[in-house]
Amino acid sequence: MIENSSPLKVLLLYGTRPEVIKMAPVVAALRQRPDRFAVTVCATAQHREMLDQAQDLFALRADVDLDLMRPDQSLNDLAARSFAALDPILGELAPDWVLVQGDTTTAMVGAFAAFHRGVKVGHIEAGLRTGDLKCPFPEEANRRAIDLLAAALFAPTAHAGGLLLAEGADPRKVFVTGNTVVDALLSIAQDFGDAPDTASVLITVHRRESFGAPLREVFRAVRRLAELFPELRWVFPMHRNPKVWEPAQQLLAGLPNLELHEPFGYREMVSRLRSARLVLTDSGGLQEEAPTFGKPVLVLRDKTERPEGVDAGVARLVGTDGERIIAETARLLTDDDAYCGMTNGGNPYGDGLAAERITAILSGRPFAPFVPDGPLRPRAESPAEGRLLSRVAAPLGAPGPAIRGRGVV
């Protein structure tokens, strides 16, 4: 294996709280190898306050802060200003790699801006798909575009990697790493003691495609559930978007056991998750996090780009139909067998070693792909997924076929 004397220059880009959470383990892992990596962290601050909270939690400070958030910013306005602000940074730093995470406007712009400059793009959390450009919007389009441009596709699961191969991605660019959110979650949770049983249900809703009538239907169902189960606390940290908190205040206020909160910081969210009985959410992150603590997830969406949890039996799609939400939630709260059947599947999304795998791949070292471990297994692997996971058997003394010189090619 060829080693270079000069460190790889890696620019890591994020703009929202979820990106900070999922990037923080990668930043830490790369910075532990100063001989191999020269790391620069850039924040667009697409979301200002919540991004700062997450940075504080993980002791992160952006080396470059573009401070782009504006009141009532449109996606096009944010994208235009992001391109204009990021391009001179790329010109000045001339990085070898730009790493982006997920499917935000920040990630999409970062990938295109790097591509325009001839800089290699690494996509963390590659390969997630619903197959519907309107669900989630605009995330589905963003992640497809990023994956088309990326030189390294860090798929969190074999299923995500298999979808990339089915779309024609070069197998040498696809790596099954696990999801870095599990790395972050475990690093925070290790500071807590035993989780208290607070007899609560945790609720989060914020997806754009649910705004309007679907969201109001969800809130009516939550209110009815709170009335049916007065012994439980129903905890809803509200997204700051007025299209969420205005109908939430109208439809959910006034019940003694239904708590409407400002958004929790990540540490508080992890604490609430650990002590909750179950989760009602349309969040991708909570779908990935809840299985670590054995918390059943009812997904308030018709489609999910994270089907591994459904396949493993730890999550269930219930959509935004109020009657179905009530029926499925009540079943889990009254049927011990149904509840227990969703608590013992392990986490199909990660094992806490994703950042180490990404660091190994970028440095040209062999790695063992993530394979979920738990009593319940996801559905049978496709041949494409099997080929990705077969790298486990590769000799550890030699790099895989896609690792040469200054990293992935």
Protein backbone atom coordinates (compact mmCIF):
# COMPACT_ATOMS: atom_id res chain seq x y z
CA MET A 1 0.00 0.00 0.00
CA ILE A 2 1.34 3.42 -0.99
CA GLU A 3 1.58 5.95 1.82
CA ASN A 4 1.99 9.70 1.28
CA SER A 5 4.04 11.90 3.60
CA SER A 6 1.64 14.84 3.52
CA PRO A 7 -1.70 14.58 5.37
CA LEU A 8 -4.92 14.50 3.39
CA LYS A 9 -6.77 17.80 3.59
CA VAL A 10 -10.36 17.01 4.57
CA LEU A 11 -13.13 19.62 4.77
CA LEU A 12 -16.18 18.49 6.76
CA LEU A 13 -19.34 20.48 6.12
CA TYR A 14 -22.53 20.74 8.18
CA GLY A 15 -25.41 23.16 8.66
CA THR A 16 -28.06 21.62 10.93
CA ARG A 17 -28.18 19.92 14.32
CA PRO A 18 -28.58 16.38 12.93
CA GLU A 19 -25.54 16.92 10.72
CA VAL A 20 -23.46 18.06 13.69
CA ILE A 21 -24.52 15.02 15.71
CA LYS A 22 -23.66 12.61 12.91
CA MET A 23 -20.47 14.41 11.86
CA ALA A 24 -19.04 14.84 15.37
CA PRO A 25 -17.73 11.25 15.65
CA VAL A 26 -16.08 11.53 12.23
CA VAL A 27 -14.39 14.82 13.14
CA ALA A 28 -13.09 13.26 16.35
CA ALA A 29 -11.83 10.11 14.62
CA LEU A 30 -10.04 12.04 11.86
CA ARG A 31 -8.44 14.43 14.35
CA GLN A 32 -6.98 11.48 16.22
CA ARG A 33 -4.81 10.91 13.11
CA PRO A 34 -3.05 14.26 12.56
CA ASP A 35 -0.29 12.39 10.75
CA ARG A 36 -2.83 11.32 8.12
CA PHE A 37 -5.45 14.08 8.06
CA ALA A 38 -5.50 17.87 8.12
CA VAL A 39 -9.08 18.58 9.20
CA THR A 40 -11.13 21.72 8.59
CA VAL A 41 -14.71 22.00 9.84
CA CYS A 42 -17.08 24.38 8.04
CA ALA A 43 -20.58 25.29 9.22
CA THR A 44 -23.12 26.96 6.97
CA ALA A 45 -25.36 27.52 10.03
CA GLN A 46 -28.41 26.66 7.95
CA HIS A 47 -30.02 26.33 11.41
CA ARG A 48 -28.26 28.62 13.88
CA GLU A 49 -29.39 28.06 17.46
CA MET A 50 -29.89 24.29 17.36
CA LEU A 51 -26.60 23.85 15.52
CA ASP A 52 -24.79 25.80 18.23
CA GLN A 53 -26.36 23.65 20.96
CA ALA A 54 -25.09 20.48 19.28
CA GLN A 55 -21.63 21.93 18.71
CA ASP A 56 -21.38 22.80 22.40
CA LEU A 57 -22.42 19.30 23.42
CA PHE A 58 -19.71 17.67 21.32
CA ALA A 59 -17.11 20.36 22.06
CA LEU A 60 -17.02 21.30 18.37
CA ARG A 61 -16.13 24.66 16.94
CA ALA A 62 -16.29 25.31 13.23
CA ASP A 63 -13.01 26.55 11.78
CA VAL A 64 -15.12 28.40 9.21
CA ASP A 65 -18.64 29.63 10.07
CA LEU A 66 -20.57 31.02 7.11
CA ASP A 67 -23.51 32.11 9.34
CA LEU A 68 -26.05 31.86 6.53
CA MET A 69 -29.34 31.47 8.40
CA ARG A 70 -31.91 34.18 7.67
CA PRO A 71 -35.53 34.51 8.87
CA ASP A 72 -38.04 32.80 6.57
CA GLN A 73 -35.32 31.74 4.15
CA SER A 74 -36.44 29.75 1.13
CA LEU A 75 -34.56 26.68 -0.05
CA ASN A 76 -33.47 28.45 -3.23
CA ASP A 77 -32.27 31.52 -1.34
CA LEU A 78 -30.32 29.35 1.11
CA ALA A 79 -28.81 27.30 -1.72
CA ALA A 80 -27.77 30.41 -3.69
CA ARG A 81 -26.09 32.03 -0.70
CA SER A 82 -24.43 28.74 0.25
CA PHE A 83 -22.88 28.31 -3.20
CA ALA A 84 -21.60 31.89 -3.15
CA ALA A 85 -20.13 31.60 0.34
CA LEU A 86 -18.64 28.12 0.01
CA ASP A 87 -16.88 28.45 -3.34
CA PRO A 88 -14.11 30.83 -2.19
CA ILE A 89 -13.51 28.61 0.86
CA LEU A 90 -12.91 25.64 -1.44
CA GLY A 91 -10.62 27.75 -3.58
CA GLU A 92 -8.57 28.89 -0.60
CA LEU A 93 -8.31 25.55 1.20
CA ALA A 94 -8.01 23.30 -1.88
CA PRO A 95 -9.04 20.18 0.09
CA ASP A 96 -8.47 16.64 -1.12
CA TRP A 97 -11.89 15.62 0.19
CA VAL A 98 -15.15 17.28 1.15
CA LEU A 99 -17.31 15.18 3.47
CA VAL A 100 -21.04 15.87 3.62
CA GLN A 101 -23.67 14.12 5.67
CA GLY A 102 -27.23 13.16 4.82
CA ASP A 103 -29.57 15.08 2.61
CA THR A 104 -29.84 18.74 3.64
CA THR A 105 -29.47 21.79 1.42
CA THR A 106 -26.03 22.24 2.99
CA ALA A 107 -25.00 18.72 1.99
CA MET A 108 -26.34 19.07 -1.54
CA VAL A 109 -24.64 22.43 -2.11
CA GLY A 110 -21.40 21.18 -0.59
CA ALA A 111 -21.33 18.18 -2.92
CA PHE A 112 -22.02 20.24 -6.04
CA ALA A 113 -19.59 23.00 -5.07
CA ALA A 114 -16.83 20.45 -4.47
CA PHE A 115 -17.65 18.64 -7.71
CA HIS A 116 -17.43 21.93 -9.63
CA ARG A 117 -13.98 22.44 -8.13
CA GLY A 118 -12.81 18.91 -8.95
CA VAL A 119 -12.66 17.96 -5.25
CA LYS A 120 -13.60 14.41 -4.21
CA VAL A 121 -16.84 14.10 -2.25
CA GLY A 122 -17.46 11.59 0.52
CA HIS A 123 -21.14 11.07 1.35
CA ILE A 124 -21.83 9.92 4.89
CA GLU A 125 -25.23 8.18 5.09
CA ALA A 126 -25.37 7.38 1.38
CA GLY A 127 -27.98 5.22 -0.31
CA LEU A 128 -31.13 6.08 1.64
CA ARG A 129 -34.19 5.97 -0.63
CA THR A 130 -37.98 6.07 -0.55
CA GLY A 131 -38.28 6.12 -4.35
CA ASP A 132 -40.55 9.19 -4.16
CA LEU A 133 -39.08 12.63 -4.85
CA LYS A 134 -41.93 14.23 -2.91
CA CYS A 135 -41.43 12.15 0.21
CA PRO A 136 -39.40 13.35 1.99
CA PHE A 137 -39.10 16.69 0.22
CA PRO A 138 -36.52 17.96 -0.71
CA GLU A 139 -34.31 15.39 0.99
CA GLU A 140 -34.94 12.52 -1.43
CA ALA A 141 -33.75 14.61 -4.38
CA ASN A 142 -30.77 15.97 -2.44
CA ARG A 143 -29.39 12.58 -1.46
CA ARG A 144 -29.83 11.10 -4.94
CA ALA A 145 -27.89 14.02 -6.41
CA ILE A 146 -25.12 13.75 -3.81
CA ASP A 147 -24.73 10.02 -4.41
CA LEU A 148 -24.37 10.62 -8.13
CA LEU A 149 -21.43 12.96 -7.53
CA ALA A 150 -19.66 11.24 -4.64
CA ALA A 151 -16.32 9.49 -4.98
CA ALA A 152 -16.92 7.56 -1.73
CA LEU A 153 -20.36 6.34 -0.66
CA PHE A 154 -20.47 5.54 3.06
CA ALA A 155 -23.69 3.53 3.23
CA PRO A 156 -24.97 2.97 6.76
CA THR A 157 -26.37 -0.50 6.01
CA ALA A 158 -26.05 -3.28 3.46
CA HIS A 159 -29.56 -2.44 2.26
CA ALA A 160 -28.55 1.16 1.50
CA GLY A 161 -25.39 -0.08 -0.20
CA GLY A 162 -27.40 -2.56 -2.26
CA LEU A 163 -29.67 0.25 -3.48
CA LEU A 164 -26.61 2.18 -4.63
CA LEU A 165 -25.34 -0.82 -6.58
CA ALA A 166 -28.80 -1.32 -8.11
CA GLU A 167 -28.63 2.29 -9.34
CA GLY A 168 -25.32 1.59 -11.04
CA ALA A 169 -22.83 2.90 -8.48
CA ASP A 170 -19.28 1.59 -8.84
CA PRO A 171 -18.95 -1.16 -6.20
CA ARG A 172 -15.43 0.08 -5.42
CA LYS A 173 -16.94 3.32 -4.11
CA VAL A 174 -19.56 1.75 -1.83
CA PHE A 175 -18.69 0.97 1.80
CA VAL A 176 -21.03 -0.34 4.51
CA THR A 177 -20.01 1.56 7.64
CA GLY A 178 -23.00 1.69 9.99
CA ASN A 179 -24.59 5.00 10.88
CA THR A 180 -22.50 7.53 12.76
CA VAL A 181 -25.54 8.59 14.80
CA VAL A 182 -25.13 5.40 16.84
CA ASP A 183 -21.52 6.43 17.59
CA ALA A 184 -22.79 9.80 18.83
CA LEU A 185 -25.67 8.29 20.78
CA LEU A 186 -23.46 5.84 22.64
CA SER A 187 -20.92 8.53 23.48
CA ILE A 188 -23.65 10.62 25.14
CA ALA A 189 -25.52 7.75 26.79
CA GLN A 190 -22.41 6.44 28.55
CA ASP A 191 -22.60 9.43 30.90
CA PHE A 192 -26.05 8.44 32.17
CA GLY A 193 -26.94 5.98 34.88
CA ASP A 194 -29.86 3.58 34.76
CA ALA A 195 -32.81 4.89 32.76
CA PRO A 196 -35.83 5.70 34.94
CA ASP A 197 -39.23 4.46 33.79
CA THR A 198 -41.21 7.67 33.48
CA ALA A 199 -44.29 6.15 31.83
CA SER A 200 -44.02 8.54 28.91
CA VAL A 201 -44.49 8.53 25.15
CA LEU A 202 -42.08 10.66 23.11
CA ILE A 203 -43.50 12.43 20.04
CA THR A 204 -41.71 14.36 17.29
CA VAL A 205 -43.23 15.59 14.01
CA HIS A 206 -41.68 18.03 11.56
CA ARG A 207 -41.66 16.72 7.96
CA ARG A 208 -42.68 19.22 5.30
CA GLU A 209 -44.81 16.69 3.44
CA SER A 210 -47.03 16.42 6.53
CA PHE A 211 -47.72 20.14 6.87
CA GLY A 212 -51.38 21.08 6.82
CA ALA A 213 -54.15 18.48 7.02
CA PRO A 214 -51.91 15.41 7.67
CA LEU A 215 -50.22 17.12 10.60
CA ARG A 216 -53.53 18.18 12.10
CA GLU A 217 -54.74 14.59 11.78
CA VAL A 218 -51.67 13.40 13.70
CA PHE A 219 -52.26 15.95 16.45
CA ARG A 220 -55.90 14.99 16.83
CA ALA A 221 -54.83 11.36 17.22
CA VAL A 222 -52.23 12.30 19.83
CA ARG A 223 -54.80 14.28 21.78
CA ARG A 224 -57.22 11.35 21.73
CA LEU A 225 -54.46 8.99 22.91
CA ALA A 226 -53.61 11.31 25.78
CA GLU A 227 -57.27 11.24 26.80
CA LEU A 228 -57.44 7.44 26.53
CA PHE A 229 -54.25 6.93 28.57
CA PRO A 230 -54.25 9.64 31.24
CA GLU A 231 -51.71 7.74 33.36
CA LEU A 232 -49.03 8.35 30.70
CA ARG A 233 -47.16 11.56 29.99
CA TRP A 234 -47.20 12.48 26.32
CA VAL A 235 -44.08 14.53 25.62
CA PHE A 236 -43.83 16.63 22.45
CA PRO A 237 -40.77 18.83 21.85
CA MET A 238 -42.14 21.06 19.10
CA HIS A 239 -40.19 22.01 16.00
CA ARG A 240 -39.79 25.78 15.75
CA ASN A 241 -41.38 25.96 12.31
CA PRO A 242 -44.69 27.84 12.73
CA LYS A 243 -46.36 25.26 10.50
CA VAL A 244 -45.72 22.78 13.31
CA TRP A 245 -46.08 24.68 16.55
CA GLU A 246 -49.14 26.76 15.60
CA PRO A 247 -51.43 23.76 14.94
CA ALA A 248 -49.80 21.95 17.88
CA GLN A 249 -50.80 24.76 20.22
CA GLN A 250 -54.30 24.84 18.76
CA LEU A 251 -54.96 21.10 18.97
CA LEU A 252 -52.82 19.84 21.86
CA ALA A 253 -52.84 22.53 24.53
CA GLY A 254 -54.86 22.15 27.72
CA LEU A 255 -54.40 18.48 28.65
CA PRO A 256 -52.64 17.94 32.01
CA ASN A 257 -50.71 14.89 30.81
CA LEU A 258 -49.66 16.30 27.40
CA GLU A 259 -46.46 18.34 27.57
CA LEU A 260 -45.57 20.81 24.84
CA HIS A 261 -41.89 21.76 25.00
CA GLU A 262 -39.39 23.90 23.19
CA PRO A 263 -37.00 21.67 21.19
CA PHE A 264 -34.81 19.61 23.49
CA GLY A 265 -31.05 19.74 23.29
CA TYR A 266 -29.55 16.45 22.15
CA ARG A 267 -28.50 15.35 25.63
CA GLU A 268 -32.02 15.95 26.94
CA MET A 269 -33.49 14.17 23.92
CA VAL A 270 -31.32 11.12 24.57
CA SER A 271 -32.40 11.13 28.22
CA ARG A 272 -36.07 11.36 27.26
CA LEU A 273 -35.66 8.60 24.70
CA ARG A 274 -34.05 6.25 27.21
CA SER A 275 -36.92 6.70 29.66
CA ALA A 276 -39.82 6.64 27.18
CA ARG A 277 -42.04 3.62 26.71
CA LEU A 278 -42.33 4.14 22.97
CA VAL A 279 -41.80 6.73 20.25
CA LEU A 280 -44.16 8.34 17.72
CA THR A 281 -42.08 10.15 15.13
CA ASP A 282 -41.48 11.10 11.52
CA SER A 283 -37.79 11.71 12.29
CA GLY A 284 -35.14 9.67 10.56
CA GLY A 285 -32.72 10.11 13.44
CA LEU A 286 -35.09 8.73 16.05
CA GLN A 287 -35.79 5.71 13.85
CA GLU A 288 -32.05 5.03 13.99
CA GLU A 289 -31.54 5.84 17.67
CA ALA A 290 -34.52 4.27 19.45
CA PRO A 291 -33.55 0.61 18.76
CA THR A 292 -30.34 1.06 20.77
CA PHE A 293 -32.51 1.45 23.88
CA GLY A 294 -35.11 -1.12 22.84
CA LYS A 295 -37.83 1.49 22.26
CA PRO A 296 -40.55 0.62 19.72
CA VAL A 297 -41.01 3.23 17.00
CA LEU A 298 -44.26 4.04 15.21
CA VAL A 299 -43.25 5.98 12.11
CA LEU A 300 -45.69 8.77 11.24
CA ARG A 301 -44.98 8.51 7.53
CA ASP A 302 -46.28 6.44 4.63
CA LYS A 303 -42.76 5.69 3.38
CA THR A 304 -39.37 5.51 5.03
CA GLU A 305 -35.87 5.54 3.63
CA ARG A 306 -34.87 3.52 6.69
CA PRO A 307 -36.73 0.21 6.17
CA GLU A 308 -34.19 -1.79 8.16
CA GLY A 309 -36.03 -1.05 11.41
CA VAL A 310 -39.32 -2.21 9.94
CA ASP A 311 -37.64 -5.34 8.58
CA ALA A 312 -36.09 -6.07 11.98
CA GLY A 313 -39.43 -5.60 13.74
CA VAL A 314 -38.35 -2.62 15.87
CA ALA A 315 -40.35 -0.02 13.90
CA ARG A 316 -43.70 0.08 12.13
CA LEU A 317 -45.03 2.46 9.48
CA VAL A 318 -48.38 3.94 10.54
CA GLY A 319 -48.62 7.03 8.32
CA THR A 320 -50.69 10.06 9.28
CA ASP A 321 -54.13 8.42 9.44
CA GLY A 322 -55.49 9.21 12.87
CA GLU A 323 -57.44 6.01 13.41
CA ARG A 324 -54.45 3.86 12.55
CA ILE A 325 -52.14 5.87 14.82
CA ILE A 326 -54.58 5.43 17.70
CA ALA A 327 -55.06 1.72 17.06
CA GLU A 328 -51.34 0.87 16.70
CA THR A 329 -50.32 2.95 19.72
CA ALA A 330 -53.08 1.55 21.91
CA ARG A 331 -52.07 -1.97 20.91
CA LEU A 332 -48.51 -1.47 22.06
CA LEU A 333 -49.68 0.09 25.32
CA THR A 334 -52.12 -2.69 26.18
CA ASP A 335 -50.64 -5.85 24.62
CA ASP A 336 -47.44 -6.97 26.34
CA ASP A 337 -46.62 -9.54 23.66
CA ALA A 338 -46.94 -6.96 20.89
CA TYR A 339 -44.79 -4.52 22.84
CA CYS A 340 -42.07 -7.02 23.71
CA GLY A 341 -41.95 -8.18 20.10
CA MET A 342 -40.67 -4.72 19.12
CA THR A 343 -38.06 -4.31 21.85
CA ASN A 344 -35.54 -7.07 21.24
CA GLY A 345 -34.36 -6.63 17.66
CA GLY A 346 -31.10 -4.86 18.39
CA ASN A 347 -30.09 -1.84 16.31
CA PRO A 348 -29.94 -2.60 12.57
CA TYR A 349 -28.39 0.80 11.85
CA GLY A 350 -25.05 0.79 13.63
CA ASP A 351 -22.72 -0.44 16.36
CA GLY A 352 -20.78 2.67 17.37
CA LEU A 353 -17.81 2.02 15.05
CA ALA A 354 -18.92 3.86 11.91
CA ALA A 355 -16.50 6.78 12.30
CA GLU A 356 -13.59 4.37 12.74
CA ARG A 357 -14.56 2.60 9.52
CA ILE A 358 -14.82 5.88 7.58
CA THR A 359 -11.41 6.96 8.88
CA ALA A 360 -9.87 3.64 7.87
CA ILE A 361 -11.35 3.85 4.39
CA LEU A 362 -10.12 7.40 3.79
CA SER A 363 -6.65 6.52 5.02
CA GLY A 364 -6.42 3.51 2.71
CA ARG A 365 -6.61 0.87 5.43
CA PRO A 366 -8.79 -2.26 5.38
CA PHE A 367 -12.01 -2.31 7.36
CA ALA A 368 -14.70 -4.79 8.32
CA PRO A 369 -18.16 -3.69 7.10
CA PHE A 370 -20.96 -3.16 9.59
CA VAL A 371 -23.16 -6.20 10.13
CA PRO A 372 -26.15 -5.79 12.51
CA ASP A 373 -26.23 -7.91 15.61
CA GLY A 374 -29.45 -8.79 17.39
CA PRO A 375 -31.98 -11.52 18.10
CA LEU A 376 -34.05 -10.41 15.11
CA ARG A 377 -32.39 -10.10 11.72
CA PRO A 378 -33.35 -7.84 8.83
CA ARG A 379 -34.89 -9.52 5.81
CA ALA A 380 -32.69 -11.70 3.62
CA GLU A 381 -29.83 -9.90 1.96
CA SER A 382 -29.88 -9.42 -1.78
CA PRO A 383 -26.92 -10.74 -3.80
CA ALA A 384 -25.64 -7.16 -4.12
CA GLU A 385 -25.70 -6.69 -0.35
CA GLY A 386 -23.96 -10.00 0.13
CA ARG A 387 -21.14 -8.89 -2.15
CA LEU A 388 -20.65 -5.74 -0.10
CA LEU A 389 -20.55 -7.64 3.18
CA SER A 390 -18.17 -10.25 1.75
CA ARG A 391 -15.38 -7.73 2.32
CA VAL A 392 -15.40 -8.92 5.93
CA ALA A 393 -13.51 -11.99 4.78
CA ALA A 394 -10.83 -10.01 2.94
CA PRO A 395 -7.33 -10.33 4.42
CA LEU A 396 -6.77 -7.54 6.90
CA GLY A 397 -3.22 -7.11 5.71
CA ALA A 398 -4.21 -5.79 2.30
CA PRO A 399 -6.50 -2.94 1.18
CA GLY A 400 -9.67 -3.60 -0.76
CA PRO A 401 -9.85 -3.00 -4.51
CA ALA A 402 -11.03 0.59 -4.14
CA ILE A 403 -8.23 1.76 -1.81
CA ARG A 404 -5.13 3.16 -3.44
CA GLY A 405 -2.66 5.92 -2.82
CA ARG A 406 -4.30 8.93 -1.20
CA GLY A 407 -7.51 7.13 -0.31
CA VAL A 408 -10.52 5.98 -2.25
CA VAL A 409 -10.46 6.42 -6.02
